[in-house]
Amino acid sequence: MQFLIEQDPARQKDLFRFIRHSELEAIRMLEFNAVRPAKLPESRELQLSMKHHALPAEGPEGHQLIHVFLQVEATTGEPLERLVEVKVVFELDYSLSDGYQPAPAQVEAFAAGNAIFHCWPFFREFAQNAMQRMGLTVPSLPMLALGKRPKMARVKAPPAKPTRKRG
């Protein structure tokens, strides 16, 4: 299993322009919250889901800050019951090439994928550690991938074989 962030191919020109003129300087955790119920449910078969978004923020001259919000939720049972939720806000600091002022579309294209991807390993480690400290045995969070969802191959069913009547 993996979580996938799809990127719009039409925005790649903006994305690559930002990449050419920036370098990641720092990743800082600004906020975090982890919650689990006092009494754990009987069923422990987990389903993981992820929410994310990123917003440009103002930074010092020659830097672009991006705030990345990540949340993972583990649910269990029928009907689904939330077992644990971990939320983190990271601030990513990118230094910019001399004289480069990125257009808002360039920052947004970068923030929507690459910035989230940059802080994912830190979030995975934090979430896993927090859940273990809450007394939960959970599988490792899946890898994060950037790209397009693979197209599902269509498979034709073989023609039905005629059956003989026995008689």
Foldseek 3Di string as FASTA:
>chain_A
DAAEQEADPVLVVLQVVQVVWKDWDDKAWDDKDKDFDPDADPWDDWDKDKDKAKDWDDDDPQKTKIKIKIKMWIWGDVVTDTGMMMIIIMIIIMGGHPPDDRDPSSVRSCRSPVVCLVCVVVVQVVVCVVCVVVVDDDDRHHHYYYHDDDDDDDDDDPDDDDDDDDD
